[in-house]
Amino acid sequence: MNKKGLLATLVLAIIGGSFLLSCSKDVESKPNYIFKPAPNDNTAAKVGNIEVSYAELYRGVESDIYDAELKVWEIKMNRLQSVVLEKLMEMDPNKKGMTNDQYLEKYITKGAQPTDKDVEAFIQERKIPAEHINDQMRERIKKFLEIELKKKYIEQWIGQKTAKSPVEVYMKQPHRPVFEVQVGDAPFIGAADAKVTIVEFSDFQCPFCKKGATVMDELKKKYGNKIKIVFKQFPLPFHNHAHQAAQAALCAHEQDKAKFWKFHDAMFDDQTKLDADGLKKTAATLGLNATDFDKCLGSGKMAAKVNADMEEGKNVGVKSTPTFFVNGQMVNGAHPVETFSEIIDAELAK
């Protein structure tokens, strides 16, 4: 059936359904909601004598709510920056008789023109296949870079204007959900009594987790023993070698706790060697006892521990990898160092 035929069928079905509903004596009932002031701060809803607390309402969807709130926050902040920009431009005597666009072009974004070298650098950085590169593609990239450059110039201009008089923001920021995540006997690096603990749920076959591992390395260099990084296993089911790689990492940890991290680095450095032979070769290269490692991996003795990590992750809202908890505050995905630093610095300042 073609699209037109399918659409016609759906329209007839909808009309037919409406006709049947209009002719039916039975009225389809729907939930009856009444919106009114709450009896207390903890109750979100009530049905007769049954109360639904906010804790019950949000359980299991904390990260989804935060992500949605964050999108709304970004919309508000982008709009705030636009309004602040307009007001600051209006205060400048040079703008007299000029439109906002004219003023922007002449005084703020002047010179925001990417070069051919910038375009080539973008192509290399994004690894765009050569067969996709043509004059039209280069022009699109140039336009994109021009927009990004203008945004940067605008932010710098606002930064200069507000250096001595910051923008006071009274809107409430969304708060990251906080979870109780147990460290247990999981591998960790850093001071055992560090003020900040980062628990990472990761998958050795996940490319984003490889990026996340790089971010963790940068944080180690930046904060040293002020932070403790804990590694939990969360192999995704569609990664065929991930579960075995997770077991192998724990086999390495059982032999030598320090070599867990070398094994961790080796697997992320080359994610093509996560089959049994590749894992055994990595173990041998790192100087682990081959007999003990092979026995541990072959017996599957670490499978239960991997599964326990996964179950714990699911219980605290992990849905994808990598997912981090900085003193319990969830950070979903391989965000840049700055995202983690903002939370870490706030925690260290407490």
Protein backbone atom coordinates (compact mmCIF):
# COMPACT_ATOMS: atom_id res chain seq x y z
CA MET A 1 0.00 0.00 0.00
CA ASN A 2 1.38 3.44 -0.93
CA LYS A 3 1.50 6.38 1.50
CA LYS A 4 -1.58 8.01 -0.01
CA GLY A 5 -3.56 4.78 0.30
CA LEU A 6 -2.43 4.27 3.89
CA LEU A 7 -3.40 7.84 4.82
CA ALA A 8 -6.84 7.40 3.26
CA THR A 9 -7.33 4.16 5.20
CA LEU A 10 -6.35 5.86 8.47
CA VAL A 11 -8.73 8.76 7.82
CA LEU A 12 -11.60 6.35 7.15
CA ALA A 13 -10.73 4.41 10.29
CA ILE A 14 -10.73 7.60 12.38
CA ILE A 15 -14.06 8.74 10.87
CA GLY A 16 -15.53 5.30 11.36
CA GLY A 17 -14.30 5.19 14.93
CA SER A 18 -15.75 8.59 15.66
CA PHE A 19 -19.09 7.52 14.21
CA LEU A 20 -19.18 4.40 16.34
CA LEU A 21 -18.32 6.38 19.45
CA SER A 22 -20.99 8.95 18.71
CA CYS A 23 -23.60 6.21 18.25
CA SER A 24 -22.59 4.21 21.29
CA LYS A 25 -24.55 4.54 24.53
CA ASP A 26 -21.44 3.63 26.55
CA VAL A 27 -19.25 6.56 27.49
CA GLU A 28 -15.53 5.80 27.63
CA SER A 29 -14.26 6.83 31.07
CA LYS A 30 -10.91 8.51 31.66
CA PRO A 31 -8.94 9.36 34.82
CA ASN A 32 -10.56 12.23 36.66
CA TYR A 33 -7.94 14.79 37.73
CA ILE A 34 -8.61 17.83 39.89
CA PHE A 35 -5.78 20.35 40.33
CA LYS A 36 -5.77 22.03 43.74
CA PRO A 37 -3.38 23.23 46.48
CA ALA A 38 -1.51 20.42 48.27
CA PRO A 39 -2.39 19.51 51.87
CA ASN A 40 1.36 19.47 52.67
CA ASP A 41 4.79 19.80 51.04
CA ASN A 42 5.31 16.05 50.61
CA THR A 43 2.09 15.01 48.88
CA ALA A 44 1.93 15.16 45.08
CA ALA A 45 -1.52 13.59 44.66
CA LYS A 46 -4.29 11.87 46.57
CA VAL A 47 -7.02 9.38 45.70
CA GLY A 48 -9.47 9.05 48.57
CA ASN A 49 -7.28 8.10 51.53
CA ILE A 50 -4.38 7.00 49.30
CA GLU A 51 -1.54 9.52 49.09
CA VAL A 52 1.19 9.66 46.43
CA SER A 53 4.34 11.33 47.74
CA TYR A 54 6.81 13.26 45.62
CA ALA A 55 9.43 10.63 46.48
CA GLU A 56 7.21 7.91 44.96
CA LEU A 57 6.33 10.07 41.99
CA TYR A 58 9.95 10.82 41.03
CA ARG A 59 11.47 7.43 41.86
CA GLY A 60 13.05 5.91 38.75
CA VAL A 61 12.56 8.98 36.57
CA GLU A 62 14.87 11.40 38.42
CA SER A 63 17.35 11.70 35.56
CA ASP A 64 14.58 12.07 32.94
CA ILE A 65 13.04 14.94 34.92
CA TYR A 66 16.44 16.58 35.36
CA ASP A 67 17.20 16.31 31.63
CA ALA A 68 13.85 17.93 30.81
CA GLU A 69 14.38 20.68 33.40
CA LEU A 70 17.87 21.28 32.01
CA LYS A 71 16.46 21.82 28.51
CA VAL A 72 13.99 24.37 29.88
CA TRP A 73 16.84 26.03 31.81
CA GLU A 74 18.94 26.30 28.64
CA ILE A 75 16.01 27.92 26.80
CA LYS A 76 15.64 30.45 29.63
CA MET A 77 19.37 31.21 29.79
CA ASN A 78 19.64 31.62 26.01
CA ARG A 79 16.69 34.00 26.10
CA LEU A 80 18.20 35.86 29.06
CA GLN A 81 21.45 36.34 27.15
CA SER A 82 19.52 37.73 24.17
CA VAL A 83 17.62 40.20 26.34
CA VAL A 84 20.81 41.25 28.19
CA LEU A 85 22.57 41.71 24.83
CA GLU A 86 19.78 43.94 23.52
CA LYS A 87 19.73 46.07 26.67
CA LEU A 88 23.51 46.48 26.71
CA MET A 89 23.54 47.48 23.04
CA GLU A 90 20.81 50.07 23.67
CA MET A 91 23.01 51.68 26.32
CA ASP A 92 25.90 52.18 23.89
CA PRO A 93 25.83 55.69 22.32
CA ASN A 94 27.45 54.25 19.16
CA LYS A 95 24.21 52.42 18.39
CA LYS A 96 22.23 55.60 17.76
CA GLY A 97 20.20 55.20 14.58
CA MET A 98 21.42 51.62 13.97
CA THR A 99 19.43 48.40 14.09
CA ASN A 100 20.58 45.61 16.37
CA ASP A 101 21.86 43.62 13.40
CA GLN A 102 23.82 46.59 12.07
CA TYR A 103 25.39 47.22 15.46
CA LEU A 104 26.27 43.54 15.86
CA GLU A 105 28.01 43.44 12.49
CA LYS A 106 29.91 46.69 12.99
CA TYR A 107 30.96 46.52 16.66
CA ILE A 108 30.54 43.00 18.07
CA THR A 109 30.92 40.27 15.42
CA LYS A 110 33.14 42.18 13.02
CA GLY A 111 35.84 39.85 11.68
CA ALA A 112 33.96 36.68 12.60
CA GLN A 113 34.85 35.00 9.33
CA PRO A 114 36.24 31.46 9.36
CA THR A 115 39.11 30.73 6.98
CA ASP A 116 39.62 27.83 4.61
CA LYS A 117 42.12 26.53 7.16
CA ASP A 118 39.37 26.50 9.80
CA VAL A 119 37.13 24.52 7.46
CA GLU A 120 39.87 21.94 6.84
CA ALA A 121 40.53 21.65 10.57
CA PHE A 122 36.80 21.02 11.15
CA ILE A 123 36.74 18.31 8.47
CA GLN A 124 39.75 16.58 10.05
CA GLU A 125 38.40 16.89 13.59
CA ARG A 126 34.98 15.46 12.68
CA LYS A 127 36.58 12.84 10.41
CA ILE A 128 34.18 13.60 7.55
CA PRO A 129 34.75 11.05 4.75
CA ALA A 130 36.52 12.44 1.67
CA GLU A 131 33.70 11.32 -0.63
CA HIS A 132 31.31 13.69 1.20
CA ILE A 133 33.52 16.73 0.74
CA ASN A 134 32.60 19.11 -2.10
CA ASP A 135 32.13 22.87 -2.57
CA GLN A 136 28.58 22.75 -1.23
CA MET A 137 29.68 20.86 1.92
CA ARG A 138 32.58 23.29 2.49
CA GLU A 139 30.18 26.23 2.22
CA ARG A 140 27.81 24.63 4.76
CA ILE A 141 30.70 24.04 7.16
CA LYS A 142 31.85 27.63 6.70
CA LYS A 143 28.36 28.96 7.51
CA PHE A 144 28.20 26.78 10.61
CA LEU A 145 31.63 27.95 11.79
CA GLU A 146 30.64 31.56 11.14
CA ILE A 147 27.57 31.21 13.37
CA GLU A 148 29.65 29.56 16.12
CA LEU A 149 32.30 32.28 15.84
CA LYS A 150 29.67 35.02 16.11
CA LYS A 151 28.26 33.36 19.23
CA LYS A 152 31.76 33.37 20.71
CA TYR A 153 32.27 37.06 19.88
CA ILE A 154 28.91 37.96 21.41
CA GLU A 155 29.73 36.07 24.62
CA GLN A 156 33.12 37.78 24.81
CA TRP A 157 31.49 41.20 24.33
CA ILE A 158 28.91 40.52 27.04
CA GLY A 159 31.76 39.23 29.22
CA GLN A 160 33.63 42.51 28.86
CA LYS A 161 30.50 44.56 29.58
CA THR A 162 29.64 42.54 32.70
CA ALA A 163 33.18 42.08 34.06
CA LYS A 164 32.67 44.66 36.82
CA SER A 165 28.91 44.32 37.09
CA PRO A 166 27.87 40.65 36.78
CA VAL A 167 24.41 39.63 35.64
CA GLU A 168 22.50 38.68 38.81
CA VAL A 169 20.25 35.73 37.96
CA TYR A 170 17.29 35.06 40.27
CA MET A 171 15.84 32.09 38.41
CA LYS A 172 16.29 28.76 40.17
CA GLN A 173 18.66 26.31 38.50
CA PRO A 174 17.63 22.67 38.20
CA HIS A 175 19.43 20.40 40.66
CA ARG A 176 21.07 17.16 39.65
CA PRO A 177 19.41 14.11 41.17
CA VAL A 178 21.40 12.62 44.06
CA PHE A 179 21.61 8.88 44.67
CA GLU A 180 23.10 6.62 47.32
CA VAL A 181 25.75 4.63 45.46
CA GLN A 182 27.79 2.09 47.41
CA VAL A 183 31.52 1.77 46.73
CA GLY A 184 31.84 -1.72 48.21
CA ASP A 185 34.95 -3.59 47.07
CA ALA A 186 34.95 -2.09 43.57
CA PRO A 187 38.30 -1.00 42.06
CA PHE A 188 39.22 2.59 42.87
CA ILE A 189 42.07 5.01 42.41
CA GLY A 190 42.89 8.02 44.59
CA ALA A 191 42.77 8.53 48.35
CA ALA A 192 40.44 6.14 50.16
CA ASP A 193 39.19 9.00 52.35
CA ALA A 194 38.92 11.62 49.58
CA LYS A 195 36.25 14.25 50.11
CA VAL A 196 34.84 13.64 46.62
CA THR A 197 34.03 10.18 45.26
CA ILE A 198 33.21 9.63 41.59
CA VAL A 199 31.51 6.30 40.88
CA GLU A 200 31.62 5.42 37.19
CA PHE A 201 29.40 2.79 35.54
CA SER A 202 31.11 1.88 32.29
CA ASP A 203 31.45 -0.59 29.41
CA PHE A 204 34.87 -1.47 27.94
CA GLN A 205 33.43 -1.86 24.44
CA CYS A 206 31.60 1.49 24.46
CA PRO A 207 33.31 4.29 22.44
CA PHE A 208 31.76 6.99 24.64
CA CYS A 209 33.14 5.19 27.71
CA LYS A 210 36.60 5.45 26.17
CA LYS A 211 36.09 9.22 26.02
CA GLY A 212 34.81 9.14 29.60
CA ALA A 213 37.98 7.35 30.70
CA THR A 214 40.02 10.16 29.14
CA VAL A 215 38.00 12.72 31.11
CA MET A 216 38.64 10.75 34.33
CA ASP A 217 42.38 10.78 33.57
CA GLU A 218 42.26 14.57 33.22
CA LEU A 219 40.43 14.85 36.54
CA LYS A 220 43.05 12.64 38.23
CA LYS A 221 45.79 14.98 37.02
CA LYS A 222 43.85 18.06 38.08
CA TYR A 223 42.72 16.97 41.56
CA GLY A 224 45.07 14.15 42.56
CA ASN A 225 44.14 12.59 45.92
CA LYS A 226 41.35 15.11 46.49
CA ILE A 227 39.12 12.74 44.54
CA LYS A 228 38.53 8.99 44.48
CA ILE A 229 37.41 7.36 41.23
CA VAL A 230 35.51 4.08 41.55
CA PHE A 231 34.89 1.80 38.57
CA LYS A 232 31.69 -0.25 38.32
CA GLN A 233 30.87 -2.66 35.52
CA PHE A 234 27.89 -2.00 33.26
CA PRO A 235 28.40 -3.97 30.01
CA LEU A 236 25.63 -3.29 27.52
CA PRO A 237 23.87 -6.36 26.10
CA PHE A 238 24.47 -5.44 22.45
CA HIS A 239 28.27 -5.32 22.94
CA ASN A 240 29.29 -8.91 22.31
CA HIS A 241 32.60 -8.80 24.22
CA ALA A 242 31.72 -6.30 26.94
CA HIS A 243 30.60 -8.73 29.66
CA GLN A 244 33.68 -10.93 29.24
CA ALA A 245 35.92 -7.84 29.23
CA ALA A 246 34.30 -6.72 32.48
CA GLN A 247 35.02 -10.14 34.01
CA ALA A 248 38.62 -9.99 32.75
CA ALA A 249 39.12 -6.61 34.42
CA LEU A 250 37.94 -8.04 37.73
CA CYS A 251 40.21 -11.08 37.29
CA ALA A 252 43.11 -8.65 36.89
CA HIS A 253 41.94 -6.76 39.99
CA GLU A 254 41.84 -9.99 42.00
CA GLN A 255 45.50 -10.66 41.19
CA ASP A 256 46.85 -7.13 41.51
CA LYS A 257 44.68 -4.11 42.38
CA ALA A 258 47.13 -1.68 40.76
CA LYS A 259 47.14 -3.64 37.51
CA PHE A 260 43.38 -3.34 37.22
CA TRP A 261 43.90 0.23 36.02
CA LYS A 262 46.59 -0.81 33.55
CA PHE A 263 44.23 -3.46 32.23
CA HIS A 264 41.47 -0.83 32.14
CA ASP A 265 43.68 1.54 30.11
CA ALA A 266 44.83 -1.20 27.73
CA MET A 267 41.26 -2.26 26.90
CA PHE A 268 40.13 1.30 26.25
CA ASP A 269 43.25 2.03 24.20
CA ASP A 270 42.39 -0.81 21.79
CA GLN A 271 38.76 -1.90 21.89
CA THR A 272 39.34 -4.39 19.04
CA LYS A 273 41.10 -6.85 21.40
CA LEU A 274 38.30 -7.73 23.78
CA ASP A 275 37.75 -11.33 22.72
CA ALA A 276 39.17 -14.12 24.93
CA ASP A 277 42.49 -14.32 23.04
CA GLY A 278 42.95 -10.55 23.10
CA LEU A 279 42.20 -10.38 26.82
CA LYS A 280 44.70 -13.15 27.59
CA LYS A 281 47.39 -11.43 25.53
CA THR A 282 46.77 -8.17 27.39
CA ALA A 283 47.05 -9.99 30.72
CA ALA A 284 50.35 -11.53 29.65
CA THR A 285 51.69 -8.18 28.44
CA LEU A 286 50.91 -6.65 31.84
CA GLY A 287 52.73 -9.43 33.68
CA LEU A 288 49.71 -11.10 35.26
CA ASN A 289 49.94 -14.78 36.16
CA ALA A 290 48.64 -16.42 32.98
CA THR A 291 47.45 -19.64 34.65
CA ASP A 292 45.47 -17.85 37.34
CA PHE A 293 44.05 -15.33 34.88
CA ASP A 294 42.95 -18.01 32.38
CA LYS A 295 41.36 -20.05 35.19
CA CYS A 296 39.52 -17.01 36.56
CA LEU A 297 38.23 -15.91 33.14
CA GLY A 298 37.39 -19.43 31.96
CA SER A 299 35.42 -20.32 35.08
CA GLY A 300 33.19 -17.25 34.84
CA LYS A 301 33.65 -16.68 38.57
CA MET A 302 33.42 -12.90 38.12
CA ALA A 303 30.14 -13.00 36.16
CA ALA A 304 28.04 -12.72 39.33
CA LYS A 305 30.01 -9.66 40.47
CA VAL A 306 29.55 -8.00 37.06
CA ASN A 307 25.82 -8.75 37.19
CA ALA A 308 25.62 -7.32 40.71
CA ASP A 309 27.20 -4.06 39.49
CA MET A 310 24.69 -3.92 36.66
CA GLU A 311 21.76 -4.50 39.00
CA GLU A 312 23.01 -1.79 41.34
CA GLY A 313 23.38 0.56 38.37
CA LYS A 314 19.80 -0.06 37.27
CA ASN A 315 18.58 0.58 40.82
CA VAL A 316 20.19 4.04 40.86
CA GLY A 317 18.92 5.03 37.43
CA VAL A 318 21.75 4.02 35.06
CA LYS A 319 20.29 3.63 31.59
CA SER A 320 23.33 4.20 29.39
CA THR A 321 27.11 4.31 29.60
CA PRO A 322 29.09 6.00 30.83
CA THR A 323 27.12 7.27 33.82
CA PHE A 324 28.91 8.95 36.74
CA PHE A 325 27.92 9.83 40.28
CA VAL A 326 29.93 12.66 41.85
CA ASN A 327 29.21 12.39 45.57
CA GLY A 328 25.94 10.87 44.46
CA GLN A 329 25.10 13.54 41.86
CA MET A 330 24.38 11.93 38.51
CA VAL A 331 26.26 13.01 35.39
CA ASN A 332 24.91 11.19 32.37
CA GLY A 333 27.44 10.76 29.55
CA ALA A 334 31.05 11.71 28.78
CA HIS A 335 30.77 15.42 29.56
CA PRO A 336 33.84 17.68 29.43
CA VAL A 337 36.13 18.19 32.43
CA GLU A 338 34.45 21.55 33.16
CA THR A 339 31.12 19.85 33.94
CA PHE A 340 32.72 17.60 36.55
CA SER A 341 34.94 20.38 37.92
CA GLU A 342 31.91 22.55 38.65
CA ILE A 343 30.46 19.82 40.90
CA ILE A 344 33.81 18.78 42.40
CA ASP A 345 34.80 22.34 43.28
CA ALA A 346 31.42 22.92 44.97
CA GLU A 347 31.80 19.69 46.96
CA LEU A 348 35.37 20.49 48.00
CA ALA A 349 34.26 23.94 49.16
CA LYS A 350 31.68 22.51 51.59
